[in-house]
C-alpha atoms as a PDB file:
ATOM      1  CA  UNK A   1      10.896  -4.773  -4.228  1.00  0.00           C
ATOM      2  CA  UNK A   2      13.235  -2.074  -5.753  1.00  0.00           C
ATOM      3  CA  UNK A   3      10.424  -0.329  -7.412  1.00  0.00           C
ATOM      4  CA  UNK A   4      10.488   3.207  -6.248  1.00  0.00           C
ATOM      5  CA  UNK A   5       7.473   5.020  -5.016  1.00  0.00           C
ATOM      6  CA  UNK A   6       5.705   6.805  -7.744  1.00  0.00           C
ATOM      7  CA  UNK A   7       5.727  10.691  -7.778  1.00  0.00           C
ATOM      8  CA  UNK A   8       2.487  10.570  -9.548  1.00  0.00           C
ATOM      9  CA  UNK A   9      -0.778   9.403  -8.226  1.00  0.00           C
ATOM     10  CA  UNK A  10      -4.100   8.262  -9.404  1.00  0.00           C
ATOM     11  CA  UNK A  11      -7.139  10.541  -8.022  1.00  0.00           C
ATOM     12  CA  UNK A  12      -9.057   9.340  -4.988  1.00  0.00           C
ATOM     13  CA  UNK A  13     -12.152   8.847  -7.492  1.00  0.00           C
ATOM     14  CA  UNK A  14      -9.959   6.554  -9.775  1.00  0.00           C
ATOM     15  CA  UNK A  15      -8.894   4.559  -7.006  1.00  0.00           C
ATOM     16  CA  UNK A  16     -12.306   4.196  -5.564  1.00  0.00           C
ATOM     17  CA  UNK A  17     -13.365   2.912  -9.296  1.00  0.00           C
ATOM     18  CA  UNK A  18     -10.776   0.272  -9.270  1.00  0.00           C
ATOM     19  CA  UNK A  19     -12.185  -3.151  -9.854  1.00  0.00           C
ATOM     20  CA  UNK A  20     -10.804  -6.278  -8.200  1.00  0.00           C
ATOM     21  CA  UNK A  21      -8.167  -6.265  -5.395  1.00  0.00           C
ATOM     22  CA  UNK A  22      -5.615  -3.667  -4.947  1.00  0.00           C
ATOM     23  CA  UNK A  23      -2.910  -2.683  -2.252  1.00  0.00           C
ATOM     24  CA  UNK A  24      -2.007   0.955  -2.095  1.00  0.00           C
ATOM     25  CA  UNK A  25       1.395   1.469  -0.268  1.00  0.00           C
ATOM     26  CA  UNK A  26       2.042   4.747   0.798  1.00  0.00           C
ATOM     27  CA  UNK A  27       5.747   5.847   1.759  1.00  0.00           C
ATOM     28  CA  UNK A  28       8.902   7.518   0.542  1.00  0.00           C
ATOM     29  CA  UNK A  29      12.153   6.230  -0.919  1.00  0.00           C
ATOM     30  CA  UNK A  30      14.126   7.701   1.712  1.00  0.00           C
ATOM     31  CA  UNK A  31      12.262   6.681   4.674  1.00  0.00           C
ATOM     32  CA  UNK A  32      14.152   4.310   6.869  1.00  0.00           C
ATOM     33  CA  UNK A  33      10.883   2.448   7.680  1.00  0.00           C
ATOM     34  CA  UNK A  34       9.843   2.039   4.506  1.00  0.00           C
ATOM     35  CA  UNK A  35      13.351   0.704   3.085  1.00  0.00           C
ATOM     36  CA  UNK A  36      13.232  -1.695   6.092  1.00  0.00           C
ATOM     37  CA  UNK A  37       9.717  -2.939   5.432  1.00  0.00           C
ATOM     38  CA  UNK A  38      10.533  -3.696   1.682  1.00  0.00           C
ATOM     39  CA  UNK A  39      11.842  -7.254   1.909  1.00  0.00           C
ATOM     40  CA  UNK A  40       8.723  -8.119   4.071  1.00  0.00           C
ATOM     41  CA  UNK A  41       6.281  -6.843   1.628  1.00  0.00           C
ATOM     42  CA  UNK A  42       8.048  -8.467  -1.277  1.00  0.00           C
ATOM     43  CA  UNK A  43       7.917 -11.851   0.521  1.00  0.00           C
ATOM     44  CA  UNK A  44       4.204 -11.251   1.149  1.00  0.00           C
ATOM     45  CA  UNK A  45       3.573 -10.269  -2.618  1.00  0.00           C
ATOM     46  CA  UNK A  46       5.265 -13.313  -3.789  1.00  0.00           C
ATOM     47  CA  UNK A  47       2.017 -15.374  -3.557  1.00  0.00           C
ATOM     48  CA  UNK A  48      -0.316 -12.665  -4.462  1.00  0.00           C
ATOM     49  CA  UNK A  49       0.900 -11.736  -7.824  1.00  0.00           C
ATOM     50  CA  UNK A  50      -2.599 -11.289  -9.003  1.00  0.00           C
ATOM     51  CA  UNK A  51      -3.145  -8.325  -6.774  1.00  0.00           C
ATOM     52  CA  UNK A  52      -2.617  -4.847  -8.314  1.00  0.00           C
ATOM     53  CA  UNK A  53       0.236  -3.330  -6.165  1.00  0.00           C
ATOM     54  CA  UNK A  54       0.440   0.542  -6.350  1.00  0.00           C
ATOM     55  CA  UNK A  55       3.415   2.372  -4.480  1.00  0.00           C
ATOM     56  CA  UNK A  56       2.622   5.841  -3.942  1.00  0.00           C
ATOM     57  CA  UNK A  57       5.030   8.534  -2.575  1.00  0.00           C
ATOM     58  CA  UNK A  58       3.224  10.357   0.227  1.00  0.00           C
ATOM     59  CA  UNK A  59       4.005  13.357   2.089  1.00  0.00           C
ATOM     60  CA  UNK A  60       2.528  16.987   2.989  1.00  0.00           C
ATOM     61  CA  UNK A  61       0.221  18.233   0.013  1.00  0.00           C
ATOM     62  CA  UNK A  62      -0.357  14.697  -1.439  1.00  0.00           C
ATOM     63  CA  UNK A  63      -3.938  14.648  -1.708  1.00  0.00           C
ATOM     64  CA  UNK A  64      -4.303  10.609  -2.112  1.00  0.00           C
ATOM     65  CA  UNK A  65      -2.568   9.729   1.337  1.00  0.00           C
ATOM     66  CA  UNK A  66      -4.394  12.718   3.060  1.00  0.00           C
ATOM     67  CA  UNK A  67      -7.770  11.318   1.474  1.00  0.00           C
ATOM     68  CA  UNK A  68      -6.928   8.043   3.429  1.00  0.00           C
ATOM     69  CA  UNK A  69      -5.662   9.713   6.485  1.00  0.00           C
ATOM     70  CA  UNK A  70      -2.258   8.250   6.112  1.00  0.00           C
ATOM     71  CA  UNK A  71      -0.096   9.207   9.255  1.00  0.00           C
ATOM     72  CA  UNK A  72       2.868   6.864   9.248  1.00  0.00           C
ATOM     73  CA  UNK A  73       4.992   5.066   6.430  1.00  0.00           C
ATOM     74  CA  UNK A  74       4.800   2.655   5.138  1.00  0.00           C
ATOM     75  CA  UNK A  75       1.000   2.220   5.199  1.00  0.00           C
ATOM     76  CA  UNK A  76      -0.492  -0.542   3.039  1.00  0.00           C
ATOM     77  CA  UNK A  77      -4.099  -0.209   2.324  1.00  0.00           C
ATOM     78  CA  UNK A  78      -5.876  -3.505   1.022  1.00  0.00           C
ATOM     79  CA  UNK A  79      -8.795  -2.637  -1.168  1.00  0.00           C
ATOM     80  CA  UNK A  80     -11.474  -4.749  -2.765  1.00  0.00           C
ATOM     81  CA  UNK A  81     -13.470  -3.033  -5.583  1.00  0.00           C
ATOM     82  CA  UNK A  82     -12.348   0.379  -4.435  1.00  0.00           C
ATOM     83  CA  UNK A  83     -13.372  -0.234  -0.885  1.00  0.00           C
ATOM     84  CA  UNK A  84     -10.795  -0.466   2.079  1.00  0.00           C
ATOM     85  CA  UNK A  85     -11.013  -3.795   3.670  1.00  0.00           C
ATOM     86  CA  UNK A  86      -7.687  -3.817   5.499  1.00  0.00           C
ATOM     87  CA  UNK A  87      -4.706  -1.566   6.467  1.00  0.00           C
ATOM     88  CA  UNK A  88      -1.443  -2.436   8.056  1.00  0.00           C
ATOM     89  CA  UNK A  89       1.031   0.357   9.366  1.00  0.00           C
ATOM     90  CA  UNK A  90       4.591  -0.168   9.567  1.00  0.00           C
ATOM     91  CA  UNK A  91       4.515  -3.844   9.131  1.00  0.00           C
ATOM     92  CA  UNK A  92       7.106  -5.637  11.387  1.00  0.00           C
ATOM     93  CA  UNK A  93       6.477  -9.157   9.825  1.00  0.00           C
ATOM     94  CA  UNK A  94       5.093 -11.169   6.886  1.00  0.00           C
ATOM     95  CA  UNK A  95       2.253 -12.434   9.013  1.00  0.00           C
ATOM     96  CA  UNK A  96       0.756  -8.984   9.378  1.00  0.00           C
ATOM     97  CA  UNK A  97       0.598  -8.281   5.857  1.00  0.00           C
ATOM     98  CA  UNK A  98      -0.544 -11.808   5.042  1.00  0.00           C
ATOM     99  CA  UNK A  99      -3.540 -10.726   7.488  1.00  0.00           C
ATOM    100  CA  UNK A 100      -4.281  -7.833   5.003  1.00  0.00           C
ATOM    101  CA  UNK A 101      -4.104 -10.326   2.062  1.00  0.00           C
ATOM    102  CA  UNK A 102      -6.516 -12.509   3.902  1.00  0.00           C
ATOM    103  CA  UNK A 103      -9.294  -9.903   4.336  1.00  0.00           C
ATOM    104  CA  UNK A 104      -9.410  -9.341   0.460  1.00  0.00           C
ATOM    105  CA  UNK A 105     -10.917 -12.933   0.474  1.00  0.00           C
END
């Protein structure tokens, strides 16, 4: 998962309007926890290539992360049709991420 976190983010209204399944990943490129989790996140996504994955840079003054009350990085928010169905904070294994995918149905 060498894709960097995007410094531009959709609005909360745009995210809430997304159809289908989406995973929002909040973090930063310099965050050690985020860097350490990338191999786990990559493995978890291998079998879910049909799920939209948005990597969003987070931090003070970033309204999208604040609207989801993100406190720790990385935070993965699993959404179906614009509604949050699961959340995984600082995943330590592929299984915890797989549980989030399981909530997508």
